[in-house]
């Protein structure tokens, strides 16, 4: 957001503890108090399900009125309506690196970094809109 000169509004950041129902409640409150919001990023696909439910109950049409992007790419994300745009991690690689780090800790070899980076892929589906194009 900073790269694109979009202000980060701290009061728009909500924590839903990776809970679909809590994300639903938080999104409903946030979208009711701030109808100007046009996009939400959810830290998990499951929380995005709660956001989608709240948005639809408030009469928002996705993605025309609200774009939703999430993180995980769980199987159901493809079959939602609209299908959910998300980030897919290389979980096999993450698991390997975590096991290697644990092995290093057990062997008292702490030279490896605690910061583990993972490959990822943006999976663009129908829950986001390109605001520079027109949707009917």
C-alpha atoms as a PDB file:
ATOM      1  CA  UNK A   1       0.000   0.000   0.000  1.00  0.00           C
ATOM      2  CA  UNK A   2       2.871   2.317   0.808  1.00  0.00           C
ATOM      3  CA  UNK A   3       4.443   1.675  -2.627  1.00  0.00           C
ATOM      4  CA  UNK A   4       1.206   2.859  -4.240  1.00  0.00           C
ATOM      5  CA  UNK A   5       0.849   5.858  -1.920  1.00  0.00           C
ATOM      6  CA  UNK A   6      -2.241   4.460  -0.192  1.00  0.00           C
ATOM      7  CA  UNK A   7      -2.535   5.457   3.459  1.00  0.00           C
ATOM      8  CA  UNK A   8      -2.698   2.621   5.979  1.00  0.00           C
ATOM      9  CA  UNK A   9      -5.519   3.422   8.393  1.00  0.00           C
ATOM     10  CA  UNK A  10      -4.779   1.704  11.691  1.00  0.00           C
ATOM     11  CA  UNK A  11      -8.433   1.856  12.757  1.00  0.00           C
ATOM     12  CA  UNK A  12      -9.307  -0.309   9.736  1.00  0.00           C
ATOM     13  CA  UNK A  13      -7.106  -3.161  11.007  1.00  0.00           C
ATOM     14  CA  UNK A  14      -9.034  -5.812  12.928  1.00  0.00           C
ATOM     15  CA  UNK A  15      -7.811  -9.036  14.508  1.00  0.00           C
ATOM     16  CA  UNK A  16     -10.103 -12.036  14.226  1.00  0.00           C
ATOM     17  CA  UNK A  17      -7.851 -14.743  15.683  1.00  0.00           C
ATOM     18  CA  UNK A  18      -8.174 -16.883  12.518  1.00  0.00           C
ATOM     19  CA  UNK A  19     -11.847 -17.450  13.346  1.00  0.00           C
ATOM     20  CA  UNK A  20     -14.500 -17.387  10.624  1.00  0.00           C
ATOM     21  CA  UNK A  21     -17.231 -16.279  13.050  1.00  0.00           C
ATOM     22  CA  UNK A  22     -15.107 -13.563  14.661  1.00  0.00           C
ATOM     23  CA  UNK A  23     -14.071 -12.310  11.205  1.00  0.00           C
ATOM     24  CA  UNK A  24     -17.767 -12.158  10.300  1.00  0.00           C
ATOM     25  CA  UNK A  25     -18.550 -10.031  13.374  1.00  0.00           C
ATOM     26  CA  UNK A  26     -15.531  -7.729  12.915  1.00  0.00           C
ATOM     27  CA  UNK A  27     -16.195  -7.288   9.179  1.00  0.00           C
ATOM     28  CA  UNK A  28     -19.856  -6.509   9.769  1.00  0.00           C
ATOM     29  CA  UNK A  29     -18.935  -3.812  12.316  1.00  0.00           C
ATOM     30  CA  UNK A  30     -16.136  -2.406  10.153  1.00  0.00           C
ATOM     31  CA  UNK A  31     -18.143  -2.291   6.931  1.00  0.00           C
ATOM     32  CA  UNK A  32     -21.168  -0.801   8.724  1.00  0.00           C
ATOM     33  CA  UNK A  33     -19.088   1.986  10.287  1.00  0.00           C
ATOM     34  CA  UNK A  34     -16.948   2.602   7.189  1.00  0.00           C
ATOM     35  CA  UNK A  35     -18.998   2.082   4.022  1.00  0.00           C
ATOM     36  CA  UNK A  36     -16.176   3.722   2.031  1.00  0.00           C
ATOM     37  CA  UNK A  37     -14.040   0.581   2.361  1.00  0.00           C
ATOM     38  CA  UNK A  38     -13.636  -1.036  -1.068  1.00  0.00           C
ATOM     39  CA  UNK A  39     -11.196  -3.875  -0.288  1.00  0.00           C
ATOM     40  CA  UNK A  40     -10.328  -6.229   2.570  1.00  0.00           C
ATOM     41  CA  UNK A  41      -7.293  -8.461   2.966  1.00  0.00           C
ATOM     42  CA  UNK A  42      -7.869 -11.433   5.258  1.00  0.00           C
ATOM     43  CA  UNK A  43      -4.984 -13.327   6.860  1.00  0.00           C
ATOM     44  CA  UNK A  44      -6.717 -16.639   6.099  1.00  0.00           C
ATOM     45  CA  UNK A  45      -9.230 -18.001   3.624  1.00  0.00           C
ATOM     46  CA  UNK A  46     -11.455 -19.160   6.499  1.00  0.00           C
ATOM     47  CA  UNK A  47     -11.671 -15.639   7.886  1.00  0.00           C
ATOM     48  CA  UNK A  48     -12.456 -14.443   4.362  1.00  0.00           C
ATOM     49  CA  UNK A  49     -15.542 -16.684   4.441  1.00  0.00           C
ATOM     50  CA  UNK A  50     -16.784 -14.661   7.418  1.00  0.00           C
ATOM     51  CA  UNK A  51     -15.984 -11.400   5.631  1.00  0.00           C
ATOM     52  CA  UNK A  52     -17.884 -12.544   2.529  1.00  0.00           C
ATOM     53  CA  UNK A  53     -20.924 -13.487   4.617  1.00  0.00           C
ATOM     54  CA  UNK A  54     -20.911 -10.094   6.385  1.00  0.00           C
ATOM     55  CA  UNK A  55     -20.475  -8.186   3.121  1.00  0.00           C
ATOM     56  CA  UNK A  56     -23.334 -10.014   1.429  1.00  0.00           C
ATOM     57  CA  UNK A  57     -25.630  -9.467   4.436  1.00  0.00           C
ATOM     58  CA  UNK A  58     -24.875  -5.743   4.212  1.00  0.00           C
ATOM     59  CA  UNK A  59     -25.880  -5.762   0.530  1.00  0.00           C
ATOM     60  CA  UNK A  60     -22.367  -5.432  -0.888  1.00  0.00           C
ATOM     61  CA  UNK A  61     -21.952  -6.979  -4.318  1.00  0.00           C
ATOM     62  CA  UNK A  62     -18.596  -8.722  -4.672  1.00  0.00           C
ATOM     63  CA  UNK A  63     -16.300  -7.663  -6.250  1.00  0.00           C
ATOM     64  CA  UNK A  64     -18.086  -4.572  -7.612  1.00  0.00           C
ATOM     65  CA  UNK A  65     -18.555  -2.973  -4.174  1.00  0.00           C
ATOM     66  CA  UNK A  66     -15.911  -4.826  -2.189  1.00  0.00           C
ATOM     67  CA  UNK A  67     -12.835  -6.790  -3.213  1.00  0.00           C
ATOM     68  CA  UNK A  68     -11.646  -9.567  -0.900  1.00  0.00           C
ATOM     69  CA  UNK A  69      -8.195 -11.118  -0.953  1.00  0.00           C
ATOM     70  CA  UNK A  70      -6.944 -13.756   1.474  1.00  0.00           C
ATOM     71  CA  UNK A  71      -4.096 -16.070   2.365  1.00  0.00           C
ATOM     72  CA  UNK A  72      -3.982 -19.906   2.253  1.00  0.00           C
ATOM     73  CA  UNK A  73      -5.708 -21.126  -0.910  1.00  0.00           C
ATOM     74  CA  UNK A  74      -7.733 -23.812   0.810  1.00  0.00           C
ATOM     75  CA  UNK A  75      -9.691 -26.103  -1.512  1.00  0.00           C
ATOM     76  CA  UNK A  76     -13.063 -24.407  -0.963  1.00  0.00           C
ATOM     77  CA  UNK A  77     -11.716 -20.998  -2.092  1.00  0.00           C
ATOM     78  CA  UNK A  78     -12.053 -21.938  -5.744  1.00  0.00           C
ATOM     79  CA  UNK A  79     -15.703 -22.945  -5.341  1.00  0.00           C
ATOM     80  CA  UNK A  80     -17.016 -19.862  -3.516  1.00  0.00           C
ATOM     81  CA  UNK A  81     -19.159 -17.342  -5.314  1.00  0.00           C
ATOM     82  CA  UNK A  82     -17.273 -15.309  -6.277  1.00  0.00           C
ATOM     83  CA  UNK A  83     -14.197 -17.530  -6.191  1.00  0.00           C
ATOM     84  CA  UNK A  84     -11.640 -16.194  -3.701  1.00  0.00           C
ATOM     85  CA  UNK A  85      -8.391 -14.552  -4.749  1.00  0.00           C
ATOM     86  CA  UNK A  86      -5.689 -15.709  -2.381  1.00  0.00           C
ATOM     87  CA  UNK A  87      -2.013 -16.381  -1.745  1.00  0.00           C
ATOM     88  CA  UNK A  88      -0.785 -19.968  -1.913  1.00  0.00           C
ATOM     89  CA  UNK A  89       2.359 -20.902   0.008  1.00  0.00           C
ATOM     90  CA  UNK A  90       4.673 -23.808  -0.662  1.00  0.00           C
ATOM     91  CA  UNK A  91       3.680 -25.644   2.529  1.00  0.00           C
ATOM     92  CA  UNK A  92       5.980 -28.578   1.779  1.00  0.00           C
ATOM     93  CA  UNK A  93       8.914 -26.133   1.682  1.00  0.00           C
ATOM     94  CA  UNK A  94       7.768 -24.428   4.901  1.00  0.00           C
ATOM     95  CA  UNK A  95       7.494 -27.792   6.663  1.00  0.00           C
ATOM     96  CA  UNK A  96      10.961 -28.817   5.448  1.00  0.00           C
ATOM     97  CA  UNK A  97      12.527 -25.554   6.642  1.00  0.00           C
ATOM     98  CA  UNK A  98      10.748 -25.787  10.012  1.00  0.00           C
ATOM     99  CA  UNK A  99      11.990 -29.366  10.498  1.00  0.00           C
ATOM    100  CA  UNK A 100      15.525 -28.295   9.536  1.00  0.00           C
ATOM    101  CA  UNK A 101      15.388 -25.405  12.010  1.00  0.00           C
ATOM    102  CA  UNK A 102      14.186 -27.739  14.772  1.00  0.00           C
ATOM    103  CA  UNK A 103      17.009 -30.148  13.936  1.00  0.00           C
ATOM    104  CA  UNK A 104      19.518 -27.268  14.143  1.00  0.00           C
ATOM    105  CA  UNK A 105      18.131 -26.210  17.524  1.00  0.00           C
ATOM    106  CA  UNK A 106      18.414 -29.760  18.852  1.00  0.00           C
ATOM    107  CA  UNK A 107      22.002 -29.942  17.566  1.00  0.00           C
ATOM    108  CA  UNK A 108      22.658 -26.508  19.136  1.00  0.00           C
ATOM    109  CA  UNK A 109      23.555 -25.095  15.737  1.00  0.00           C
ATOM    110  CA  UNK A 110      21.900 -21.672  15.837  1.00  0.00           C
ATOM    111  CA  UNK A 111      23.661 -20.257  12.799  1.00  0.00           C
ATOM    112  CA  UNK A 112      20.554 -20.599  10.632  1.00  0.00           C
ATOM    113  CA  UNK A 113      18.201 -17.642  10.578  1.00  0.00           C
ATOM    114  CA  UNK A 114      14.931 -17.791  12.475  1.00  0.00           C
ATOM    115  CA  UNK A 115      13.354 -15.919   9.586  1.00  0.00           C
ATOM    116  CA  UNK A 116      12.072 -18.511   7.169  1.00  0.00           C
ATOM    117  CA  UNK A 117      10.932 -17.320   3.759  1.00  0.00           C
ATOM    118  CA  UNK A 118       8.603 -19.330   1.592  1.00  0.00           C
ATOM    119  CA  UNK A 119       7.785 -19.406  -2.083  1.00  0.00           C
ATOM    120  CA  UNK A 120       4.286 -18.197  -2.815  1.00  0.00           C
ATOM    121  CA  UNK A 121       1.916 -17.728  -5.696  1.00  0.00           C
ATOM    122  CA  UNK A 122      -0.815 -15.142  -6.143  1.00  0.00           C
ATOM    123  CA  UNK A 123      -3.997 -16.925  -7.193  1.00  0.00           C
ATOM    124  CA  UNK A 124      -6.178 -14.268  -8.778  1.00  0.00           C
ATOM    125  CA  UNK A 125      -9.809 -15.289  -9.059  1.00  0.00           C
ATOM    126  CA  UNK A 126     -13.085 -13.358  -9.065  1.00  0.00           C
ATOM    127  CA  UNK A 127     -13.227 -11.741  -5.602  1.00  0.00           C
ATOM    128  CA  UNK A 128     -11.115  -8.746  -6.617  1.00  0.00           C
ATOM    129  CA  UNK A 129     -11.768  -6.037  -9.142  1.00  0.00           C
ATOM    130  CA  UNK A 130      -9.378  -4.008 -11.219  1.00  0.00           C
ATOM    131  CA  UNK A 131     -10.667  -0.521 -10.486  1.00  0.00           C
ATOM    132  CA  UNK A 132      -9.271   0.663 -13.816  1.00  0.00           C
ATOM    133  CA  UNK A 133     -11.674  -1.567 -15.749  1.00  0.00           C
ATOM    134  CA  UNK A 134     -15.451  -1.317 -15.872  1.00  0.00           C
ATOM    135  CA  UNK A 135     -17.698  -4.118 -14.623  1.00  0.00           C
ATOM    136  CA  UNK A 136     -21.322  -4.315 -15.760  1.00  0.00           C
END
